[in-house]
Amino acid sequence: MPGQHQRSRIGTKWTCTKPSNGEKHFEVVDCNAVRVALRCIVTASVRTTSHDDLKDETNWQRGWL
């Protein structure tokens, strides 16, 4: 089932390795086959990124570090 993998990411925690505006810790709030929506824990702003960008460890690290 193609959508199952994306749904399993909702709620996962991520750390941005290049924070801007103090936004470093995020949680996945939505995703589809193309984009991932992440909510900043501190400011509650939402940013979107691609699945490939999320896999790039120079941009994102899994968990809150």
PDB file of N, CA and C in Angstrom:
ATOM      1  N   MET A   1       0.853  -1.184   0.000  1.00  0.00           N
ATOM      2  CA  MET A   1       0.000   0.000   0.000  1.00  0.00           C
ATOM      3  C   MET A   1       0.893   1.240   0.000  1.00  0.00           C
ATOM      4  N   PRO A   2       0.882   2.059  -1.053  1.00  0.00           N
ATOM      5  CA  PRO A   2       1.799   3.185  -1.163  1.00  0.00           C
ATOM      6  C   PRO A   2       1.628   4.259  -0.102  1.00  0.00           C
ATOM      7  N   GLY A   3       0.429   4.554   0.330  1.00  0.00           N
ATOM      8  CA  GLY A   3       0.213   5.619   1.302  1.00  0.00           C
ATOM      9  C   GLY A   3       0.560   5.248   2.727  1.00  0.00           C
ATOM     10  N   GLN A   4       0.682   3.961   3.003  1.00  0.00           N
ATOM     11  CA  GLN A   4       0.945   3.514   4.366  1.00  0.00           C
ATOM     12  C   GLN A   4       2.272   4.040   4.881  1.00  0.00           C
ATOM     13  N   HIS A   5       3.316   4.015   4.054  1.00  0.00           N
ATOM     14  CA  HIS A   5       4.632   4.479   4.494  1.00  0.00           C
ATOM     15  C   HIS A   5       4.597   5.963   4.869  1.00  0.00           C
ATOM     16  N   GLN A   6       3.942   6.779   4.066  1.00  0.00           N
ATOM     17  CA  GLN A   6       3.861   8.202   4.371  1.00  0.00           C
ATOM     18  C   GLN A   6       3.108   8.453   5.662  1.00  0.00           C
ATOM     19  N   ARG A   7       2.002   7.761   5.876  1.00  0.00           N
ATOM     20  CA  ARG A   7       1.220   7.965   7.096  1.00  0.00           C
ATOM     21  C   ARG A   7       2.016   7.572   8.337  1.00  0.00           C
ATOM     22  N   SER A   8       2.898   6.602   8.192  1.00  0.00           N
ATOM     23  CA  SER A   8       3.678   6.165   9.356  1.00  0.00           C
ATOM     24  C   SER A   8       4.685   7.227   9.794  1.00  0.00           C
ATOM     25  N   ARG A   9       4.974   8.204   8.961  1.00  0.00           N
ATOM     26  CA  ARG A   9       5.891   9.289   9.328  1.00  0.00           C
ATOM     27  C   ARG A   9       5.222  10.366  10.178  1.00  0.00           C
ATOM     28  N   ILE A  10       3.918  10.469  10.137  1.00  0.00           N
ATOM     29  CA  ILE A  10       3.231  11.504  10.900  1.00  0.00           C
ATOM     30  C   ILE A  10       3.533  11.307  12.379  1.00  0.00           C
ATOM     31  N   GLY A  11       3.942  12.407  13.009  1.00  0.00           N
ATOM     32  CA  GLY A  11       4.299  12.367  14.427  1.00  0.00           C
ATOM     33  C   GLY A  11       5.782  12.170  14.678  1.00  0.00           C
ATOM     34  N   THR A  12       6.554  11.817  13.631  1.00  0.00           N
ATOM     35  CA  THR A  12       7.983  11.652  13.846  1.00  0.00           C
ATOM     36  C   THR A  12       8.636  13.004  14.081  1.00  0.00           C
ATOM     37  N   LYS A  13       9.734  12.983  14.813  1.00  0.00           N
ATOM     38  CA  LYS A  13      10.425  14.207  15.205  1.00  0.00           C
ATOM     39  C   LYS A  13      11.709  14.362  14.418  1.00  0.00           C
ATOM     40  N   TRP A  14      12.020  15.613  14.046  1.00  0.00           N
ATOM     41  CA  TRP A  14      13.186  15.910  13.223  1.00  0.00           C
ATOM     42  C   TRP A  14      13.886  17.163  13.733  1.00  0.00           C
ATOM     43  N   THR A  15      15.198  17.206  13.551  1.00  0.00           N
ATOM     44  CA  THR A  15      15.996  18.377  13.887  1.00  0.00           C
ATOM     45  C   THR A  15      16.584  18.947  12.601  1.00  0.00           C
ATOM     46  N   CYS A  16      16.372  20.229  12.381  1.00  0.00           N
ATOM     47  CA  CYS A  16      16.934  20.911  11.229  1.00  0.00           C
ATOM     48  C   CYS A  16      18.399  21.227  11.536  1.00  0.00           C
ATOM     49  N   THR A  17      19.305  20.814  10.664  1.00  0.00           N
ATOM     50  CA  THR A  17      20.726  21.044  10.910  1.00  0.00           C
ATOM     51  C   THR A  17      21.158  22.462  10.553  1.00  0.00           C
ATOM     52  N   LYS A  18      20.301  23.180   9.836  1.00  0.00           N
ATOM     53  CA  LYS A  18      20.575  24.570   9.465  1.00  0.00           C
ATOM     54  C   LYS A  18      19.381  25.430   9.879  1.00  0.00           C
ATOM     55  N   PRO A  19      19.186  25.608  11.189  1.00  0.00           N
ATOM     56  CA  PRO A  19      17.999  26.332  11.658  1.00  0.00           C
ATOM     57  C   PRO A  19      17.999  27.800  11.230  1.00  0.00           C
ATOM     58  N   SER A  20      16.805  28.314  11.023  1.00  0.00           N
ATOM     59  CA  SER A  20      16.640  29.741  10.756  1.00  0.00           C
ATOM     60  C   SER A  20      15.536  30.254  11.666  1.00  0.00           C
ATOM     61  N   ASN A  21      15.672  31.478  12.118  1.00  0.00           N
ATOM     62  CA  ASN A  21      14.701  32.099  13.027  1.00  0.00           C
ATOM     63  C   ASN A  21      14.483  31.279  14.293  1.00  0.00           C
ATOM     64  N   GLY A  22      15.506  30.564  14.733  1.00  0.00           N
ATOM     65  CA  GLY A  22      15.396  29.769  15.948  1.00  0.00           C
ATOM     66  C   GLY A  22      14.562  28.512  15.797  1.00  0.00           C
ATOM     67  N   GLU A  23      14.189  28.179  14.560  1.00  0.00           N
ATOM     68  CA  GLU A  23      13.362  27.000  14.316  1.00  0.00           C
ATOM     69  C   GLU A  23      14.262  25.802  14.033  1.00  0.00           C
ATOM     70  N   LYS A  24      14.355  24.919  15.023  1.00  0.00           N
ATOM     71  CA  LYS A  24      15.263  23.784  14.923  1.00  0.00           C
ATOM     72  C   LYS A  24      14.541  22.444  15.067  1.00  0.00           C
ATOM     73  N   HIS A  25      13.577  22.358  15.963  1.00  0.00           N
ATOM     74  CA  HIS A  25      12.896  21.094  16.238  1.00  0.00           C
ATOM     75  C   HIS A  25      11.508  21.070  15.605  1.00  0.00           C
ATOM     76  N   PHE A  26      11.237  19.990  14.866  1.00  0.00           N
ATOM     77  CA  PHE A  26      10.001  19.871  14.091  1.00  0.00           C
ATOM     78  C   PHE A  26       9.365  18.506  14.292  1.00  0.00           C
ATOM     79  N   GLU A  27       8.059  18.462  14.000  1.00  0.00           N
ATOM     80  CA  GLU A  27       7.297  17.219  14.027  1.00  0.00           C
ATOM     81  C   GLU A  27       6.506  17.125  12.727  1.00  0.00           C
ATOM     82  N   VAL A  28       6.487  15.949  12.114  1.00  0.00           N
ATOM     83  CA  VAL A  28       5.730  15.759  10.870  1.00  0.00           C
ATOM     84  C   VAL A  28       4.241  15.790  11.192  1.00  0.00           C
ATOM     85  N   VAL A  29       3.513  16.676  10.499  1.00  0.00           N
ATOM     86  CA  VAL A  29       2.069  16.795  10.719  1.00  0.00           C
ATOM     87  C   VAL A  29       1.245  16.322   9.527  1.00  0.00           C
ATOM     88  N   ASP A  30       1.881  16.212   8.355  1.00  0.00           N
ATOM     89  CA  ASP A  30       1.176  15.748   7.170  1.00  0.00           C
ATOM     90  C   ASP A  30       2.216  15.349   6.129  1.00  0.00           C
ATOM     91  N   CYS A  31       1.847  14.421   5.265  1.00  0.00           N
ATOM     92  CA  CYS A  31       2.739  14.072   4.165  1.00  0.00           C
ATOM     93  C   CYS A  31       1.943  13.373   3.071  1.00  0.00           C
ATOM     94  N   ASN A  32       2.484  13.471   1.874  1.00  0.00           N
ATOM     95  CA  ASN A  32       1.910  12.765   0.734  1.00  0.00           C
ATOM     96  C   ASN A  32       3.072  12.193  -0.064  1.00  0.00           C
ATOM     97  N   ALA A  33       2.834  11.753  -1.266  1.00  0.00           N
ATOM     98  CA  ALA A  33       3.885  11.115  -2.055  1.00  0.00           C
ATOM     99  C   ALA A  33       4.996  12.081  -2.450  1.00  0.00           C
ATOM    100  N   VAL A  34       4.731  13.376  -2.413  1.00  0.00           N
ATOM    101  CA  VAL A  34       5.712  14.355  -2.878  1.00  0.00           C
ATOM    102  C   VAL A  34       6.294  15.197  -1.747  1.00  0.00           C
ATOM    103  N   ARG A  35       5.476  15.682  -0.836  1.00  0.00           N
ATOM    104  CA  ARG A  35       5.900  16.645   0.176  1.00  0.00           C
ATOM    105  C   ARG A  35       5.638  16.151   1.597  1.00  0.00           C
ATOM    106  N   VAL A  36       6.432  16.729   2.520  1.00  0.00           N
ATOM    107  CA  VAL A  36       6.265  16.473   3.951  1.00  0.00           C
ATOM    108  C   VAL A  36       6.038  17.822   4.627  1.00  0.00           C
ATOM    109  N   ALA A  37       5.019  17.938   5.463  1.00  0.00           N
ATOM    110  CA  ALA A  37       4.752  19.161   6.217  1.00  0.00           C
ATOM    111  C   ALA A  37       5.244  18.955   7.641  1.00  0.00           C
ATOM    112  N   LEU A  38       6.114  19.890   8.093  1.00  0.00           N
ATOM    113  CA  LEU A  38       6.706  19.818   9.424  1.00  0.00           C
ATOM    114  C   LEU A  38       6.299  21.047  10.226  1.00  0.00           C
ATOM    115  N   ARG A  39       5.864  20.833  11.478  1.00  0.00           N
ATOM    116  CA  ARG A  39       5.481  21.945  12.357  1.00  0.00           C
ATOM    117  C   ARG A  39       6.596  22.167  13.354  1.00  0.00           C
ATOM    118  N   CYS A  40       7.029  23.429  13.455  1.00  0.00           N
ATOM    119  CA  CYS A  40       8.053  23.791  14.427  1.00  0.00           C
ATOM    120  C   CYS A  40       7.452  23.707  15.828  1.00  0.00           C
ATOM    121  N   ILE A  41       8.168  23.086  16.733  1.00  0.00           N
ATOM    122  CA  ILE A  41       7.677  22.896  18.092  1.00  0.00           C
ATOM    123  C   ILE A  41       7.620  24.222  18.854  1.00  0.00           C
ATOM    124  N   VAL A  42       8.548  25.129  18.596  1.00  0.00           N
ATOM    125  CA  VAL A  42       8.615  26.391  19.331  1.00  0.00           C
ATOM    126  C   VAL A  42       7.633  27.432  18.793  1.00  0.00           C
ATOM    127  N   THR A  43       7.631  27.637  17.473  1.00  0.00           N
ATOM    128  CA  THR A  43       6.829  28.719  16.894  1.00  0.00           C
ATOM    129  C   THR A  43       5.498  28.251  16.301  1.00  0.00           C
ATOM    130  N   ALA A  44       5.333  26.948  16.125  1.00  0.00           N
ATOM    131  CA  ALA A  44       4.141  26.343  15.523  1.00  0.00           C
ATOM    132  C   ALA A  44       3.987  26.680  14.040  1.00  0.00           C
ATOM    133  N   SER A  45       5.006  27.273  13.429  1.00  0.00           N
ATOM    134  CA  SER A  45       4.940  27.517  11.992  1.00  0.00           C
ATOM    135  C   SER A  45       5.123  26.193  11.262  1.00  0.00           C
ATOM    136  N   VAL A  46       4.600  26.125  10.050  1.00  0.00           N
ATOM    137  CA  VAL A  46       4.678  24.896   9.259  1.00  0.00           C
ATOM    138  C   VAL A  46       5.527  25.162   8.027  1.00  0.00           C
ATOM    139  N   ARG A  47       6.442  24.247   7.763  1.00  0.00           N
ATOM    140  CA  ARG A  47       7.248  24.333   6.540  1.00  0.00           C
ATOM    141  C   ARG A  47       7.124  23.005   5.807  1.00  0.00           C
ATOM    142  N   THR A  48       7.239  23.055   4.497  1.00  0.00           N
ATOM    143  CA  THR A  48       7.164  21.833   3.710  1.00  0.00           C
ATOM    144  C   THR A  48       8.515  21.561   3.071  1.00  0.00           C
ATOM    145  N   THR A  49       8.775  20.294   2.862  1.00  0.00           N
ATOM    146  CA  THR A  49       9.999  19.867   2.216  1.00  0.00           C
ATOM    147  C   THR A  49       9.723  18.570   1.478  1.00  0.00           C
ATOM    148  N   SER A  50      10.656  18.140   0.672  1.00  0.00           N
ATOM    149  CA  SER A  50      10.494  16.879  -0.057  1.00  0.00           C
ATOM    150  C   SER A  50      10.983  15.710   0.795  1.00  0.00           C
ATOM    151  N   HIS A  51      10.559  14.532   0.447  1.00  0.00           N
ATOM    152  CA  HIS A  51      11.030  13.336   1.142  1.00  0.00           C
ATOM    153  C   HIS A  51      12.542  13.189   0.971  1.00  0.00           C
ATOM    154  N   ASP A  52      13.037  13.513  -0.215  1.00  0.00           N
ATOM    155  CA  ASP A  52      14.479  13.410  -0.462  1.00  0.00           C
ATOM    156  C   ASP A  52      15.262  14.373   0.422  1.00  0.00           C
ATOM    157  N   ASP A  53      14.755  15.581   0.600  1.00  0.00           N
ATOM    158  CA  ASP A  53      15.428  16.555   1.462  1.00  0.00           C
ATOM    159  C   ASP A  53      15.449  16.068   2.909  1.00  0.00           C
ATOM    160  N   LEU A  54      14.379  15.456   3.342  1.00  0.00           N
ATOM    161  CA  LEU A  54      14.297  14.945   4.707  1.00  0.00           C
ATOM    162  C   LEU A  54      15.299  13.801   4.923  1.00  0.00           C
ATOM    163  N   LYS A  55      15.593  13.052   3.892  1.00  0.00           N
ATOM    164  CA  LYS A  55      16.568  11.957   3.985  1.00  0.00           C
ATOM    165  C   LYS A  55      18.012  12.454   3.990  1.00  0.00           C
ATOM    166  N   ASP A  56      18.236  13.687   3.555  1.00  0.00           N
ATOM    167  CA  ASP A  56      19.586  14.255   3.470  1.00  0.00           C
ATOM    168  C   ASP A  56      20.054  14.676   4.861  1.00  0.00           C
ATOM    169  N   GLU A  57      21.009  13.948   5.420  1.00  0.00           N
ATOM    170  CA  GLU A  57      21.472  14.203   6.785  1.00  0.00           C
ATOM    171  C   GLU A  57      22.220  15.523   6.946  1.00  0.00           C
ATOM    172  N   THR A  58      22.574  16.174   5.844  1.00  0.00           N
ATOM    173  CA  THR A  58      23.174  17.498   5.973  1.00  0.00           C
ATOM    174  C   THR A  58      22.110  18.556   6.236  1.00  0.00           C
ATOM    175  N   ASN A  59      20.831  18.218   5.993  1.00  0.00           N
ATOM    176  CA  ASN A  59      19.716  19.142   6.230  1.00  0.00           C
ATOM    177  C   ASN A  59      18.882  18.759   7.440  1.00  0.00           C
ATOM    178  N   TRP A  60      18.643  17.454   7.636  1.00  0.00           N
ATOM    179  CA  TRP A  60      17.750  16.978   8.687  1.00  0.00           C
ATOM    180  C   TRP A  60      18.338  15.770   9.397  1.00  0.00           C
ATOM    181  N   GLN A  61      18.082  15.690  10.702  1.00  0.00           N
ATOM    182  CA  GLN A  61      18.455  14.525  11.497  1.00  0.00           C
ATOM    183  C   GLN A  61      17.195  14.013  12.184  1.00  0.00           C
ATOM    184  N   ARG A  62      17.014  12.720  12.179  1.00  0.00           N
ATOM    185  CA  ARG A  62      15.831  12.143  12.812  1.00  0.00           C
ATOM    186  C   ARG A  62      15.931  12.277  14.327  1.00  0.00           C
ATOM    187  N   GLY A  63      14.838  12.659  14.954  1.00  0.00           N
ATOM    188  CA  GLY A  63      14.803  12.865  16.409  1.00  0.00           C
ATOM    189  C   GLY A  63      15.129  14.300  16.755  1.00  0.00           C
ATOM    190  N   TRP A  64      15.015  14.611  18.043  1.00  0.00           N
ATOM    191  CA  TRP A  64      15.353  15.952  18.512  1.00  0.00           C
ATOM    192  C   TRP A  64      16.723  15.895  19.159  1.00  0.00           C
ATOM    193  N   LEU A  65      17.657  16.563  18.549  1.00  0.00           N
ATOM    194  CA  LEU A  65      19.044  16.556  19.031  1.00  0.00           C
ATOM    195  C   LEU A  65      19.393  17.856  19.709  1.00  0.00           C
TER     196      LEU A  65
END
